[in-house]
């Protein structure tokens, strides 16, 4: 057997195992996630800032369909940096032991601390708050691990001079789920 056929066999066996993996969500199921996104900011045709963000969090299902969670996000760009904490109420609307994917809707509130640097080197900070909605789609690779896309829309007072504005985020990441051992 040639090496290339052996690799094809290993990949086929791996994906066959993945296809039979199904998440199981019930009361007491815990989830953890980590992910991130890149951002570009600008006005009109000019780019004013670019950055990256990483996030992580956890949640626990207190019924078979409802979960309470929290998360933290750190966003960095050359002229700005911010830390955001979020509290979420999540509802499983699709997926369980008979599906390869799941869909969670969430309502969240957030608090953010930002620090900005001007071109002259002076620094100033701000705090903002917000509320929003999200929709997490997870494709499960196994019973306990999956890849998610999580569009989130928040209404915050983090705009220029504290003005309320809508913000849209699209993080992509990895999600884990497990049962609490008794």
N, C-alpha and C. Protein backbone atom coordinates (compact mmCIF):
# COMPACT_ATOMS: atom_id res chain seq x y z
N UNK A 1 0.85 -1.17 0.00
CA UNK A 1 0.00 0.00 0.00
C UNK A 1 0.89 1.23 0.00
N UNK A 2 0.62 2.13 -0.91
CA UNK A 2 1.42 3.35 -0.99
C UNK A 2 1.06 4.28 0.16
N UNK A 3 1.96 5.17 0.50
CA UNK A 3 1.77 6.11 1.61
C UNK A 3 0.54 7.00 1.38
N UNK A 4 0.34 7.48 0.16
CA UNK A 4 -0.79 8.37 -0.11
C UNK A 4 -2.12 7.66 0.13
N UNK A 5 -2.21 6.37 -0.18
CA UNK A 5 -3.44 5.63 0.09
C UNK A 5 -3.64 5.42 1.58
N UNK A 6 -2.55 5.22 2.32
CA UNK A 6 -2.65 5.06 3.76
C UNK A 6 -3.22 6.33 4.41
N UNK A 7 -2.72 7.51 3.99
CA UNK A 7 -3.24 8.76 4.53
C UNK A 7 -4.71 8.94 4.19
N UNK A 8 -5.10 8.54 3.00
CA UNK A 8 -6.50 8.63 2.60
C UNK A 8 -7.36 7.72 3.48
N UNK A 9 -6.86 6.54 3.82
CA UNK A 9 -7.58 5.62 4.69
C UNK A 9 -7.75 6.22 6.09
N UNK A 10 -6.68 6.81 6.63
CA UNK A 10 -6.75 7.43 7.95
C UNK A 10 -7.75 8.59 7.96
N UNK A 11 -7.71 9.42 6.93
CA UNK A 11 -8.64 10.55 6.85
C UNK A 11 -10.08 10.04 6.73
N UNK A 12 -10.32 8.99 5.94
CA UNK A 12 -11.66 8.44 5.81
C UNK A 12 -12.17 7.89 7.13
N UNK A 13 -11.35 7.17 7.86
CA UNK A 13 -11.76 6.63 9.17
C UNK A 13 -12.05 7.77 10.14
N UNK A 14 -11.22 8.81 10.14
CA UNK A 14 -11.44 9.96 11.03
C UNK A 14 -12.78 10.62 10.73
N UNK A 15 -13.06 10.92 9.47
CA UNK A 15 -14.31 11.60 9.13
C UNK A 15 -15.53 10.71 9.35
N UNK A 16 -15.38 9.41 9.21
CA UNK A 16 -16.50 8.51 9.52
C UNK A 16 -16.82 8.59 11.00
N UNK A 17 -15.81 8.62 11.84
CA UNK A 17 -16.04 8.79 13.28
C UNK A 17 -16.69 10.12 13.59
N UNK A 18 -16.26 11.18 12.91
CA UNK A 18 -16.83 12.49 13.13
C UNK A 18 -18.30 12.52 12.73
N UNK A 19 -18.66 11.85 11.67
CA UNK A 19 -20.05 11.86 11.21
C UNK A 19 -20.99 11.19 12.21
N UNK A 20 -20.50 10.27 13.01
CA UNK A 20 -21.36 9.62 13.98
C UNK A 20 -21.35 10.33 15.34
N UNK A 21 -20.54 11.36 15.49
CA UNK A 21 -20.48 12.11 16.75
C UNK A 21 -21.71 13.00 16.86
N UNK A 22 -22.36 12.98 18.01
CA UNK A 22 -23.55 13.78 18.22
C UNK A 22 -23.50 14.41 19.60
N UNK A 23 -23.73 15.71 19.69
CA UNK A 23 -23.72 16.35 21.00
C UNK A 23 -24.93 15.94 21.82
N UNK A 24 -24.77 15.93 23.12
CA UNK A 24 -25.88 15.60 24.02
C UNK A 24 -26.00 16.74 25.02
N UNK A 25 -27.12 17.45 24.96
CA UNK A 25 -27.37 18.57 25.85
C UNK A 25 -28.53 18.22 26.76
N UNK A 26 -28.32 18.37 28.06
CA UNK A 26 -29.36 18.14 29.05
C UNK A 26 -29.08 19.03 30.24
N UNK A 27 -29.95 18.99 31.23
CA UNK A 27 -29.76 19.80 32.42
C UNK A 27 -28.41 19.45 33.05
N UNK A 28 -27.61 20.48 33.37
CA UNK A 28 -26.29 20.26 33.96
C UNK A 28 -25.15 20.23 32.95
N UNK A 29 -25.46 20.22 31.65
CA UNK A 29 -24.41 20.26 30.64
C UNK A 29 -23.68 21.59 30.72
N UNK A 30 -22.37 21.53 30.65
CA UNK A 30 -21.56 22.74 30.68
C UNK A 30 -20.90 22.93 29.32
N UNK A 31 -20.74 24.19 28.94
CA UNK A 31 -20.07 24.50 27.68
C UNK A 31 -18.97 25.52 27.96
N UNK A 32 -17.92 25.46 27.18
CA UNK A 32 -16.86 26.46 27.20
C UNK A 32 -16.53 26.79 25.76
N UNK A 33 -16.17 28.03 25.51
CA UNK A 33 -15.84 28.42 24.14
C UNK A 33 -14.65 29.36 24.14
N UNK A 34 -13.95 29.37 23.02
CA UNK A 34 -12.90 30.33 22.77
C UNK A 34 -12.89 30.63 21.28
N UNK A 35 -12.61 31.87 20.96
CA UNK A 35 -12.64 32.26 19.56
C UNK A 35 -12.06 33.64 19.38
N UNK A 36 -12.34 34.23 18.24
CA UNK A 36 -11.85 35.56 17.98
C UNK A 36 -12.27 36.05 16.62
N UNK A 37 -11.83 37.27 16.32
CA UNK A 37 -12.13 37.87 15.02
C UNK A 37 -11.13 38.99 14.76
N UNK A 38 -11.03 39.39 13.51
CA UNK A 38 -10.21 40.53 13.11
C UNK A 38 -11.16 41.65 12.72
N UNK A 39 -10.74 42.90 12.94
CA UNK A 39 -11.62 44.03 12.62
C UNK A 39 -10.88 45.09 11.83
N UNK A 40 -11.62 45.76 11.00
CA UNK A 40 -11.14 46.93 10.25
C UNK A 40 -12.12 48.06 10.53
N UNK A 41 -11.60 49.25 10.81
CA UNK A 41 -12.45 50.40 11.08
C UNK A 41 -12.06 51.51 10.13
N UNK A 42 -13.05 52.24 9.67
CA UNK A 42 -12.77 53.33 8.76
C UNK A 42 -14.02 54.13 8.48
N UNK A 43 -13.83 55.21 7.81
CA UNK A 43 -14.93 56.08 7.43
C UNK A 43 -14.77 56.40 5.96
N UNK A 44 -15.80 56.13 5.18
CA UNK A 44 -15.69 56.36 3.76
C UNK A 44 -14.71 55.40 3.12
N UNK A 45 -13.76 55.92 2.40
CA UNK A 45 -12.78 55.08 1.72
C UNK A 45 -11.46 54.95 2.46
N UNK A 46 -11.36 55.52 3.67
CA UNK A 46 -10.07 55.46 4.37
C UNK A 46 -10.13 54.53 5.57
N UNK A 47 -9.04 53.84 5.82
CA UNK A 47 -8.91 52.92 6.95
C UNK A 47 -8.30 53.69 8.12
N UNK A 48 -8.97 53.63 9.29
CA UNK A 48 -8.46 54.36 10.44
C UNK A 48 -7.84 53.46 11.51
N UNK A 49 -8.22 52.18 11.57
CA UNK A 49 -7.69 51.29 12.59
C UNK A 49 -7.98 49.84 12.18
N UNK A 50 -7.13 48.94 12.59
CA UNK A 50 -7.32 47.51 12.37
C UNK A 50 -6.89 46.80 13.63
N UNK A 51 -7.54 45.70 13.96
CA UNK A 51 -7.18 45.03 15.19
C UNK A 51 -7.63 43.59 15.21
N UNK A 52 -7.35 42.93 16.33
CA UNK A 52 -7.78 41.56 16.55
C UNK A 52 -8.44 41.47 17.92
N UNK A 53 -9.27 40.49 18.08
CA UNK A 53 -9.94 40.26 19.36
C UNK A 53 -9.97 38.77 19.65
N UNK A 54 -9.84 38.43 20.92
CA UNK A 54 -9.99 37.05 21.37
C UNK A 54 -11.04 37.03 22.46
N UNK A 55 -11.80 35.96 22.52
CA UNK A 55 -12.83 35.87 23.55
C UNK A 55 -12.92 34.45 24.07
N UNK A 56 -13.54 34.32 25.20
CA UNK A 56 -13.73 33.02 25.82
C UNK A 56 -14.84 33.12 26.84
N UNK A 57 -15.39 32.00 27.21
CA UNK A 57 -16.45 32.01 28.21
C UNK A 57 -16.95 30.62 28.51
N UNK A 58 -17.94 30.59 29.36
CA UNK A 58 -18.53 29.33 29.79
C UNK A 58 -20.01 29.53 30.04
N UNK A 59 -20.76 28.45 30.04
CA UNK A 59 -22.18 28.49 30.37
C UNK A 59 -22.60 27.12 30.88
N UNK A 60 -23.73 27.10 31.57
CA UNK A 60 -24.27 25.85 32.10
C UNK A 60 -25.77 25.82 31.82
N UNK A 61 -26.25 24.66 31.38
CA UNK A 61 -27.68 24.50 31.13
C UNK A 61 -28.37 24.20 32.45
N UNK A 62 -29.33 25.06 32.83
CA UNK A 62 -30.09 24.80 34.05
C UNK A 62 -31.43 24.14 33.73
N UNK A 63 -31.83 24.06 32.47
CA UNK A 63 -32.90 23.19 31.98
C UNK A 63 -32.34 22.54 30.71
N UNK A 64 -33.15 21.74 30.04
CA UNK A 64 -32.66 21.09 28.82
C UNK A 64 -32.48 22.09 27.68
N UNK A 65 -33.16 23.24 27.74
CA UNK A 65 -33.09 24.22 26.65
C UNK A 65 -32.47 25.56 27.04
N UNK A 66 -32.39 25.90 28.33
CA UNK A 66 -31.91 27.22 28.75
C UNK A 66 -30.57 27.13 29.48
N UNK A 67 -29.69 28.06 29.15
CA UNK A 67 -28.36 28.11 29.78
C UNK A 67 -28.07 29.54 30.22
N UNK A 68 -27.29 29.65 31.26
CA UNK A 68 -26.81 30.94 31.76
C UNK A 68 -25.29 30.93 31.61
N UNK A 69 -24.74 32.00 31.03
CA UNK A 69 -23.32 32.01 30.78
C UNK A 69 -22.68 33.36 30.97
N UNK A 70 -21.36 33.35 30.95
CA UNK A 70 -20.59 34.59 31.04
C UNK A 70 -19.40 34.46 30.10
N UNK A 71 -18.86 35.61 29.72
CA UNK A 71 -17.72 35.58 28.81
C UNK A 71 -16.88 36.83 28.96
N UNK A 72 -15.69 36.78 28.40
CA UNK A 72 -14.74 37.87 28.46
C UNK A 72 -14.11 38.03 27.08
N UNK A 73 -13.90 39.27 26.66
CA UNK A 73 -13.30 39.54 25.36
C UNK A 73 -12.22 40.61 25.52
N UNK A 74 -11.11 40.42 24.84
CA UNK A 74 -10.05 41.42 24.82
C UNK A 74 -9.82 41.80 23.37
N UNK A 75 -9.92 43.09 23.08
CA UNK A 75 -9.80 43.62 21.72
C UNK A 75 -8.59 44.55 21.69
N UNK A 76 -7.67 44.31 20.75
CA UNK A 76 -6.47 45.13 20.66
C UNK A 76 -6.30 45.67 19.25
N UNK A 77 -5.93 46.95 19.17
CA UNK A 77 -5.56 47.60 17.91
C UNK A 77 -4.42 48.55 18.25
N UNK A 78 -3.67 49.04 17.27
CA UNK A 78 -2.54 49.90 17.59
C UNK A 78 -2.89 51.15 18.42
N UNK A 79 -4.06 51.70 18.26
CA UNK A 79 -4.41 52.91 18.99
C UNK A 79 -5.45 52.68 20.09
N UNK A 80 -6.03 51.51 20.16
CA UNK A 80 -7.07 51.25 21.17
C UNK A 80 -6.92 49.85 21.74
N UNK A 81 -7.43 49.68 22.94
CA UNK A 81 -7.52 48.36 23.56
C UNK A 81 -8.75 48.38 24.46
N UNK A 82 -9.47 47.29 24.51
CA UNK A 82 -10.66 47.25 25.36
C UNK A 82 -10.86 45.85 25.92
N UNK A 83 -11.48 45.81 27.09
CA UNK A 83 -11.86 44.56 27.75
C UNK A 83 -13.37 44.60 27.95
N UNK A 84 -14.03 43.51 27.63
CA UNK A 84 -15.48 43.46 27.72
C UNK A 84 -15.90 42.20 28.48
N UNK A 85 -16.79 42.36 29.43
CA UNK A 85 -17.39 41.23 30.13
C UNK A 85 -18.85 41.12 29.73
N UNK A 86 -19.32 39.89 29.49
CA UNK A 86 -20.71 39.69 29.07
C UNK A 86 -21.39 38.63 29.93
N UNK A 87 -22.66 38.83 30.18
CA UNK A 87 -23.53 37.85 30.84
C UNK A 87 -24.60 37.49 29.83
N UNK A 88 -24.88 36.19 29.66
CA UNK A 88 -25.80 35.73 28.63
C UNK A 88 -26.89 34.80 29.18
N UNK A 89 -28.05 34.90 28.57
CA UNK A 89 -29.11 33.91 28.74
C UNK A 89 -29.27 33.28 27.36
N UNK A 90 -29.02 31.97 27.27
CA UNK A 90 -29.03 31.27 25.99
C UNK A 90 -30.18 30.27 25.93
N UNK A 91 -30.73 30.11 24.73
CA UNK A 91 -31.80 29.12 24.50
C UNK A 91 -31.41 28.26 23.32
N UNK A 92 -31.41 26.94 23.55
CA UNK A 92 -31.15 25.99 22.48
C UNK A 92 -32.42 25.86 21.65
N UNK A 93 -32.37 26.24 20.38
CA UNK A 93 -33.55 26.17 19.52
C UNK A 93 -33.48 25.03 18.52
N UNK A 94 -32.28 24.51 18.28
CA UNK A 94 -32.14 23.40 17.35
C UNK A 94 -30.93 22.58 17.77
N UNK A 95 -31.10 21.27 17.72
CA UNK A 95 -29.98 20.38 17.96
C UNK A 95 -30.07 19.67 19.28
N UNK A 96 -29.65 18.46 19.29
CA UNK A 96 -29.47 17.64 20.48
C UNK A 96 -28.81 16.35 20.02
N UNK A 97 -29.22 15.22 20.53
CA UNK A 97 -28.51 13.98 20.25
C UNK A 97 -28.72 13.44 18.84
N UNK A 98 -29.69 13.95 18.10
CA UNK A 98 -29.96 13.40 16.77
C UNK A 98 -29.49 14.30 15.63
N UNK A 99 -28.74 15.34 15.91
CA UNK A 99 -28.31 16.27 14.86
C UNK A 99 -26.80 16.48 14.90
N UNK A 100 -26.24 16.91 13.79
CA UNK A 100 -24.80 17.19 13.68
C UNK A 100 -24.47 18.63 14.03
N UNK A 101 -25.49 19.47 14.21
CA UNK A 101 -25.25 20.87 14.49
C UNK A 101 -26.27 21.35 15.52
N UNK A 102 -26.01 22.53 16.06
CA UNK A 102 -26.93 23.11 17.02
C UNK A 102 -27.02 24.61 16.79
N UNK A 103 -28.11 25.20 17.26
CA UNK A 103 -28.33 26.63 17.13
C UNK A 103 -28.81 27.17 18.48
N UNK A 104 -28.07 28.12 19.01
CA UNK A 104 -28.41 28.77 20.28
C UNK A 104 -28.70 30.24 20.02
N UNK A 105 -29.79 30.75 20.56
CA UNK A 105 -30.05 32.19 20.57
C UNK A 105 -29.65 32.71 21.94
N UNK A 106 -29.16 33.94 21.99
CA UNK A 106 -28.82 34.50 23.30
C UNK A 106 -29.21 35.96 23.40
N UNK A 107 -29.47 36.37 24.62
CA UNK A 107 -29.65 37.77 24.99
C UNK A 107 -28.51 38.06 25.95
N UNK A 108 -27.80 39.17 25.75
CA UNK A 108 -26.66 39.44 26.62
C UNK A 108 -26.61 40.90 27.04
N UNK A 109 -25.95 41.12 28.16
CA UNK A 109 -25.61 42.47 28.59
C UNK A 109 -24.09 42.53 28.73
N UNK A 110 -23.53 43.71 28.54
CA UNK A 110 -22.08 43.81 28.54
C UNK A 110 -21.60 45.10 29.19
N UNK A 111 -20.43 45.03 29.77
CA UNK A 111 -19.71 46.18 30.30
C UNK A 111 -18.33 46.20 29.65
N UNK A 112 -17.90 47.39 29.22
CA UNK A 112 -16.64 47.49 28.50
C UNK A 112 -15.78 48.61 29.08
N UNK A 113 -14.49 48.34 29.20
CA UNK A 113 -13.49 49.34 29.60
C UNK A 113 -12.54 49.52 28.42
N UNK A 114 -12.41 50.74 27.92
CA UNK A 114 -11.56 51.01 26.75
C UNK A 114 -10.45 51.98 27.11
N UNK A 115 -9.31 51.84 26.45
CA UNK A 115 -8.19 52.76 26.60
C UNK A 115 -7.72 53.13 25.20
N UNK A 116 -7.62 54.42 24.92
CA UNK A 116 -7.20 54.90 23.61
C UNK A 116 -5.94 55.74 23.74
N UNK A 117 -5.13 55.74 22.69
CA UNK A 117 -3.91 56.53 22.63
C UNK A 117 -3.99 57.44 21.42
N UNK A 118 -3.70 58.72 21.63
CA UNK A 118 -3.69 59.66 20.51
C UNK A 118 -2.35 59.58 19.79
N UNK A 119 -2.26 60.19 18.63
CA UNK A 119 -1.00 60.18 17.87
C UNK A 119 0.10 60.93 18.60
N UNK A 120 -0.27 61.89 19.48
CA UNK A 120 0.74 62.62 20.25
C UNK A 120 1.21 61.83 21.48
N UNK A 121 0.57 60.70 21.78
CA UNK A 121 1.00 59.85 22.88
C UNK A 121 0.18 59.96 24.14
N UNK A 122 -0.77 60.88 24.21
CA UNK A 122 -1.60 60.96 25.42
C UNK A 122 -2.65 59.85 25.39
N UNK A 123 -3.06 59.44 26.60
CA UNK A 123 -4.00 58.32 26.73
C UNK A 123 -5.25 58.78 27.45
N UNK A 124 -6.38 58.16 27.09
CA UNK A 124 -7.63 58.42 27.79
C UNK A 124 -8.47 57.16 27.74
N UNK A 125 -9.32 57.00 28.74
CA UNK A 125 -10.14 55.80 28.83
C UNK A 125 -11.61 56.13 28.88
N UNK A 126 -12.42 55.10 28.68
CA UNK A 126 -13.87 55.25 28.77
C UNK A 126 -14.49 53.93 29.19
N UNK A 127 -15.68 54.04 29.70
CA UNK A 127 -16.47 52.86 30.06
C UNK A 127 -17.78 52.93 29.31
N UNK A 128 -18.28 51.77 28.92
CA UNK A 128 -19.56 51.73 28.22
C UNK A 128 -20.32 50.47 28.63
N UNK A 129 -21.59 50.49 28.36
CA UNK A 129 -22.47 49.36 28.66
C UNK A 129 -23.32 49.10 27.43
N UNK A 130 -23.92 47.92 27.37
CA UNK A 130 -24.76 47.61 26.24
C UNK A 130 -25.59 46.36 26.46
N UNK A 131 -26.53 46.17 25.57
CA UNK A 131 -27.36 44.97 25.53
C UNK A 131 -27.42 44.50 24.10
N UNK A 132 -27.68 43.21 23.90
CA UNK A 132 -27.71 42.73 22.54
C UNK A 132 -28.26 41.33 22.39
N UNK A 133 -28.19 40.85 21.15
CA UNK A 133 -28.68 39.54 20.76
C UNK A 133 -27.57 38.80 20.02
N UNK A 134 -27.62 37.49 20.08
CA UNK A 134 -26.66 36.68 19.34
C UNK A 134 -27.30 35.39 18.88
N UNK A 135 -26.63 34.74 17.93
CA UNK A 135 -27.11 33.47 17.40
C UNK A 135 -25.89 32.61 17.10
N UNK A 136 -25.69 31.57 17.90
CA UNK A 136 -24.50 30.72 17.76
C UNK A 136 -24.86 29.44 17.01
N UNK A 137 -24.23 29.25 15.86
CA UNK A 137 -24.38 28.00 15.10
C UNK A 137 -23.11 27.18 15.30
N UNK A 138 -23.27 25.95 15.81
CA UNK A 138 -22.12 25.07 16.04
C UNK A 138 -22.25 23.82 15.21
N UNK A 139 -21.19 23.47 14.50
CA UNK A 139 -21.11 22.20 13.79
C UNK A 139 -20.23 21.31 14.64
N UNK A 140 -20.79 20.20 15.13
CA UNK A 140 -20.12 19.34 16.10
C UNK A 140 -19.21 18.35 15.40
N UNK A 141 -17.92 18.38 15.77
CA UNK A 141 -16.93 17.44 15.24
C UNK A 141 -16.96 16.12 16.01
N UNK A 142 -17.36 16.19 17.28
CA UNK A 142 -17.47 15.01 18.13
C UNK A 142 -18.58 15.27 19.14
N UNK A 143 -18.76 14.36 20.08
CA UNK A 143 -19.77 14.57 21.11
C UNK A 143 -19.45 15.75 22.00
N UNK A 144 -18.20 16.14 22.06
CA UNK A 144 -17.83 17.18 23.01
C UNK A 144 -17.13 18.40 22.40
N UNK A 145 -16.87 18.42 21.11
CA UNK A 145 -16.16 19.55 20.51
C UNK A 145 -16.78 19.94 19.18
N UNK A 146 -16.85 21.23 18.95
CA UNK A 146 -17.42 21.72 17.71
C UNK A 146 -16.82 23.06 17.31
N UNK A 147 -17.11 23.48 16.09
CA UNK A 147 -16.66 24.76 15.57
C UNK A 147 -17.89 25.64 15.42
N UNK A 148 -17.80 26.89 15.90
CA UNK A 148 -18.98 27.76 15.85
C UNK A 148 -18.73 29.04 15.06
N UNK A 149 -19.84 29.61 14.62
CA UNK A 149 -19.93 30.96 14.08
C UNK A 149 -20.99 31.64 14.92
N UNK A 150 -20.70 32.84 15.44
CA UNK A 150 -21.58 33.43 16.44
C UNK A 150 -21.82 34.91 16.15
N UNK A 151 -22.70 35.24 15.19
CA UNK A 151 -23.01 36.65 14.96
C UNK A 151 -23.68 37.27 16.19
N UNK A 152 -23.20 38.45 16.59
CA UNK A 152 -23.74 39.14 17.75
C UNK A 152 -23.95 40.60 17.40
N UNK A 153 -25.08 41.14 17.82
CA UNK A 153 -25.38 42.54 17.60
C UNK A 153 -25.66 43.18 18.95
N UNK A 154 -24.97 44.27 19.25
CA UNK A 154 -25.13 44.94 20.53
C UNK A 154 -25.44 46.42 20.32
N UNK A 155 -26.26 46.95 21.19
CA UNK A 155 -26.54 48.38 21.23
C UNK A 155 -25.78 48.93 22.43
N UNK A 156 -24.73 49.74 22.19
CA UNK A 156 -23.88 50.22 23.28
C UNK A 156 -23.74 51.74 23.21
N UNK A 157 -23.33 52.31 24.33
CA UNK A 157 -23.00 53.74 24.35
C UNK A 157 -21.50 53.93 24.17
N UNK A 158 -20.86 53.04 23.45
CA UNK A 158 -19.42 53.09 23.22
C UNK A 158 -19.03 53.86 21.98
N UNK A 159 -19.98 54.54 21.36
CA UNK A 159 -19.67 55.31 20.17
C UNK A 159 -18.95 56.61 20.49
N UNK A 160 -18.72 57.43 19.48
CA UNK A 160 -18.04 58.71 19.70
C UNK A 160 -18.80 59.55 20.73
N UNK A 161 -18.08 60.07 21.70
CA UNK A 161 -18.64 60.93 22.76
C UNK A 161 -19.77 60.26 23.52
N UNK A 162 -19.75 58.94 23.63
CA UNK A 162 -20.77 58.23 24.40
C UNK A 162 -22.10 58.06 23.71
N UNK A 163 -22.14 58.27 22.41
CA UNK A 163 -23.40 58.12 21.67
C UNK A 163 -23.74 56.64 21.53
N UNK A 164 -25.03 56.33 21.57
CA UNK A 164 -25.47 54.95 21.41
C UNK A 164 -25.35 54.55 19.95
N UNK A 165 -24.83 53.36 19.72
CA UNK A 165 -24.65 52.86 18.37
C UNK A 165 -24.82 51.35 18.35
N UNK A 166 -25.07 50.80 17.16
CA UNK A 166 -25.15 49.36 16.98
C UNK A 166 -23.77 48.85 16.59
N UNK A 167 -23.39 47.71 17.16
CA UNK A 167 -22.13 47.07 16.80
C UNK A 167 -22.44 45.63 16.40
N UNK A 168 -21.83 45.16 15.34
CA UNK A 168 -22.02 43.80 14.86
C UNK A 168 -20.68 43.08 14.89
N UNK A 169 -20.66 41.89 15.51
CA UNK A 169 -19.46 41.07 15.61
C UNK A 169 -19.75 39.71 15.01
N UNK A 170 -18.73 39.07 14.46
CA UNK A 170 -18.88 37.74 13.89
C UNK A 170 -17.69 36.87 14.30
N UNK A 171 -17.63 36.46 15.59
CA UNK A 171 -16.51 35.60 16.00
C UNK A 171 -16.68 34.17 15.51
N UNK A 172 -15.56 33.52 15.28
CA UNK A 172 -15.50 32.12 14.89
C UNK A 172 -14.58 31.44 15.90
N UNK A 173 -14.96 30.25 16.37
CA UNK A 173 -14.13 29.61 17.37
C UNK A 173 -14.47 28.16 17.60
N UNK A 174 -14.01 27.65 18.73
CA UNK A 174 -14.17 26.25 19.11
C UNK A 174 -15.00 26.20 20.39
N UNK A 175 -15.92 25.24 20.45
CA UNK A 175 -16.79 25.06 21.61
C UNK A 175 -16.62 23.64 22.14
N UNK A 176 -16.61 23.52 23.46
CA UNK A 176 -16.56 22.23 24.14
C UNK A 176 -17.79 22.09 25.00
N UNK A 177 -18.24 20.87 25.19
CA UNK A 177 -19.36 20.59 26.07
C UNK A 177 -19.05 19.34 26.89
N UNK A 178 -19.50 19.30 28.13
CA UNK A 178 -19.29 18.14 28.99
C UNK A 178 -20.35 18.11 30.08
N UNK A 179 -20.49 16.95 30.70
CA UNK A 179 -21.42 16.76 31.80
C UNK A 179 -20.69 16.88 33.12
N UNK A 180 -21.32 17.48 34.08
CA UNK A 180 -20.73 17.56 35.42
C UNK A 180 -20.73 16.17 36.04
N UNK A 181 -19.61 15.76 36.54
CA UNK A 181 -19.52 14.45 37.18
C UNK A 181 -20.05 14.54 38.60
N UNK A 182 -20.82 13.52 38.99
CA UNK A 182 -21.42 13.53 40.34
C UNK A 182 -20.67 12.65 41.28
